[in-house]
Protein backbone atom coordinates (compact mmCIF):
# COMPACT_ATOMS: atom_id res chain seq x y z
CA UNK A 1 120.28 -72.76 119.79
CA UNK A 2 123.47 -70.94 120.75
CA UNK A 3 124.12 -69.38 124.17
CA UNK A 4 123.62 -65.98 122.54
CA UNK A 5 120.06 -67.05 121.59
CA UNK A 6 119.46 -68.25 125.17
CA UNK A 7 120.06 -65.17 127.34
CA UNK A 8 119.15 -67.10 130.51
CA UNK A 9 121.91 -69.66 129.88
CA UNK A 10 124.58 -69.35 132.52
CA UNK A 11 122.26 -67.73 135.06
CA UNK A 12 121.33 -69.50 138.27
CA UNK A 13 119.24 -68.77 141.34
CA UNK A 14 120.91 -68.65 144.74
CA UNK A 15 120.01 -67.63 148.30
CA UNK A 16 121.16 -64.19 149.42
CA UNK A 17 121.14 -62.49 152.81
CA UNK A 18 118.65 -59.68 153.40
CA UNK A 19 121.51 -57.17 153.72
CA UNK A 20 122.86 -58.21 150.30
CA UNK A 21 119.41 -58.03 148.72
CA UNK A 22 118.70 -54.63 150.28
CA UNK A 23 122.04 -53.28 149.05
CA UNK A 24 121.12 -54.37 145.52
CA UNK A 25 117.63 -52.84 145.86
CA UNK A 26 119.13 -49.54 147.07
CA UNK A 27 121.16 -49.30 143.85
CA UNK A 28 118.83 -50.82 141.24
CA UNK A 29 115.17 -50.47 142.27
CA UNK A 30 113.41 -47.67 140.38
CA UNK A 31 110.96 -46.52 143.04
CA UNK A 32 111.25 -48.48 146.31
CA UNK A 33 113.73 -48.39 149.14
CA UNK A 34 115.14 -51.45 150.94
CA UNK A 35 112.77 -53.41 153.14
CA UNK A 36 112.87 -54.05 156.89
CA UNK A 37 112.33 -57.81 157.07
CA UNK A 38 111.78 -60.90 154.96
CA UNK A 39 110.89 -64.57 154.94
CA UNK A 40 113.67 -65.22 152.44
CA UNK A 41 115.70 -63.47 149.75
CA UNK A 42 117.08 -64.93 146.55
CA UNK A 43 119.26 -63.68 143.76
CA UNK A 44 120.16 -64.55 140.20
CA UNK A 45 123.83 -64.63 139.27
CA UNK A 46 125.96 -65.58 136.29
CA UNK A 47 128.67 -68.22 136.27
CA UNK A 48 131.29 -65.69 137.41
CA UNK A 49 129.21 -65.00 140.54
CA UNK A 50 128.08 -61.52 139.51
CA UNK A 51 124.66 -60.75 140.98
CA UNK A 52 122.15 -59.53 138.36
CA UNK A 53 118.93 -59.42 140.37
CA UNK A 54 117.29 -60.06 143.74
CA UNK A 55 113.83 -60.83 145.10
CA UNK A 56 112.77 -60.29 148.70
CA UNK A 57 109.75 -62.29 149.87
CA UNK A 58 107.98 -61.52 153.11
CA UNK A 59 104.72 -61.16 154.96
CA UNK A 60 101.88 -59.45 153.10
CA UNK A 61 101.97 -55.68 153.55
CA UNK A 62 98.17 -55.30 153.53
CA UNK A 63 96.74 -56.68 156.77
CA UNK A 64 93.55 -58.01 155.19
CA UNK A 65 95.32 -60.02 152.47
CA UNK A 66 95.26 -63.22 154.46
CA UNK A 67 97.04 -65.04 157.23
CA UNK A 68 100.85 -64.80 156.96
CA UNK A 69 100.92 -68.62 157.14
CA UNK A 70 98.89 -68.74 153.92
CA UNK A 71 100.15 -65.77 151.87
CA UNK A 72 103.68 -64.85 150.83
CA UNK A 73 104.38 -61.54 149.11
CA UNK A 74 107.29 -60.60 146.86
CA UNK A 75 107.88 -57.20 148.44
CA UNK A 76 110.89 -56.20 146.31
CA UNK A 77 112.33 -57.37 143.02
CA UNK A 78 115.16 -55.56 141.27
CA UNK A 79 117.54 -56.42 138.44
CA UNK A 80 120.29 -54.71 136.52
CA UNK A 81 118.38 -55.30 133.27
CA UNK A 82 119.81 -58.75 132.50
CA UNK A 83 117.35 -60.54 130.18
CA UNK A 84 115.09 -63.09 131.90
CA UNK A 85 116.40 -62.31 135.40
CA UNK A 86 112.97 -61.05 136.56
CA UNK A 87 111.15 -64.12 135.23
CA UNK A 88 113.70 -66.43 136.86
CA UNK A 89 113.25 -64.69 140.22
CA UNK A 90 109.43 -64.66 140.11
CA UNK A 91 109.40 -68.32 139.09
CA UNK A 92 111.85 -69.29 141.84
CA UNK A 93 109.85 -67.38 144.47
CA UNK A 94 106.66 -69.17 143.39
CA UNK A 95 108.34 -72.59 143.53
CA UNK A 96 109.75 -71.82 146.98
CA UNK A 97 106.35 -70.59 148.25
CA UNK A 98 104.67 -73.77 147.06
CA UNK A 99 107.40 -75.96 148.56
CA UNK A 100 107.09 -74.10 151.89
CA UNK A 101 103.34 -74.80 151.98
CA UNK A 102 101.95 -71.34 151.29
CA UNK A 103 98.50 -71.24 149.66
CA UNK A 104 99.20 -68.05 147.70
CA UNK A 105 102.02 -65.82 146.51
CA UNK A 106 101.42 -62.26 145.36
CA UNK A 107 103.13 -59.06 144.35
CA UNK A 108 102.19 -55.61 143.12
CA UNK A 109 103.31 -53.59 140.09
CA UNK A 110 102.70 -50.01 139.06
CA UNK A 111 100.15 -49.47 136.27
CA UNK A 112 103.01 -48.28 134.05
CA UNK A 113 104.78 -51.66 134.40
CA UNK A 114 103.60 -54.22 131.87
CA UNK A 115 104.10 -57.43 133.83
CA UNK A 116 105.70 -59.48 131.04
CA UNK A 117 107.99 -61.29 133.49
CA UNK A 118 105.07 -62.17 135.74
CA UNK A 119 103.01 -63.48 132.82
CA UNK A 120 106.05 -65.47 131.62
CA UNK A 121 106.25 -67.05 135.08
CA UNK A 122 102.55 -68.01 135.05
CA UNK A 123 101.28 -65.37 137.47
CA UNK A 124 97.72 -64.02 137.05
CA UNK A 125 96.89 -60.30 136.92
CA UNK A 126 94.09 -59.75 139.44
CA UNK A 127 93.62 -56.09 138.47
CA UNK A 128 93.83 -52.84 140.38
CA UNK A 129 94.31 -52.95 144.13
CA UNK A 130 95.32 -50.80 147.06
CA UNK A 131 96.53 -47.26 146.99
CA UNK A 132 95.66 -44.19 148.97
CA UNK A 133 96.55 -43.11 152.46
CA UNK A 134 96.24 -45.34 155.51
CA UNK A 135 97.63 -45.54 159.00
CA UNK A 136 99.73 -48.21 160.65
CA UNK A 137 98.23 -50.02 163.62
CA UNK A 138 100.23 -47.69 165.90
CA UNK A 139 98.65 -44.61 164.24
CA UNK A 140 101.64 -43.53 162.16
CA UNK A 141 100.68 -42.43 158.62
CA UNK A 142 101.82 -44.36 155.56
CA UNK A 143 105.18 -43.28 154.21
CA UNK A 144 104.95 -41.09 151.12
CA UNK A 145 108.51 -41.34 149.78
CA UNK A 146 107.45 -44.34 147.68
CA UNK A 147 104.49 -44.77 145.29
CA UNK A 148 101.17 -44.71 147.17
CA UNK A 149 98.75 -44.93 144.22
CA UNK A 150 96.70 -47.85 142.97
CA UNK A 151 98.78 -50.81 141.79
CA UNK A 152 98.11 -54.05 139.92
CA UNK A 153 98.08 -57.21 142.04
CA UNK A 154 99.52 -60.41 140.56
CA UNK A 155 99.18 -63.81 142.21
CA UNK A 156 99.46 -67.56 142.03
CA UNK A 157 97.47 -69.92 144.21
CA UNK A 158 98.44 -73.39 145.33
CA UNK A 159 96.08 -76.14 146.48
CA UNK A 160 96.17 -76.80 150.20
CA UNK A 161 93.46 -76.78 152.84
CA UNK A 162 93.27 -73.75 155.09
CA UNK A 163 94.72 -74.32 158.55
CA UNK A 164 93.22 -72.04 161.15
CA UNK A 165 95.12 -73.20 164.22
CA UNK A 166 98.25 -75.25 164.65
CA UNK A 167 98.25 -76.79 168.12
CA UNK A 168 101.53 -76.09 169.88
CA UNK A 169 102.30 -77.89 173.13
CA UNK A 170 102.66 -75.67 176.15
CA UNK A 171 106.25 -74.96 177.07
CA UNK A 172 105.81 -76.36 180.57
CA UNK A 173 104.47 -79.68 179.18
CA UNK A 174 107.31 -80.30 176.73
CA UNK A 175 109.82 -82.89 177.98
CA UNK A 176 113.28 -81.62 178.76
CA UNK A 177 116.39 -83.34 177.39
CA UNK A 178 116.98 -85.19 180.64
CA UNK A 179 113.38 -86.49 180.71
CA UNK A 180 113.49 -88.07 177.27
CA UNK A 181 114.33 -91.77 177.32
CA UNK A 182 117.48 -92.74 175.36
């Protein structure tokens, strides 16, 4: 197989800063604007260092999706159309989520988007979800400059027991540096 027959050859995944990912999203995403925060952002670049796509993974947008310790959501993914860049990014996000101990990773697509890259990466189409108007916890209405209709939810689950509470020692009981024996 020649490199021409392997369009992913020469592409690699790399970490990117949120500002870099958001700048790419601002130029290349068809219907969403940059995001406010993230857990991590990754990109796919060629051997010359040219960035061809980014994925931004963060907390689930829907409050009832699950605990943020358990669920990671790909909140933005954008490419310049380079073949296999989407699949590489979805696959890399899923591997990172599993390695970080998340129980589930999910994302949403518009009904008009086929999901070939998600299927190629092993994600499962869970059907229609969300949509409509809602309010933030502070009472502000949902923004309407981005699609607000029903979307398709895609997900992967990873085996791990649920952890309800992680005991954290009280700050006043933690030893200070000068109290710790050498």
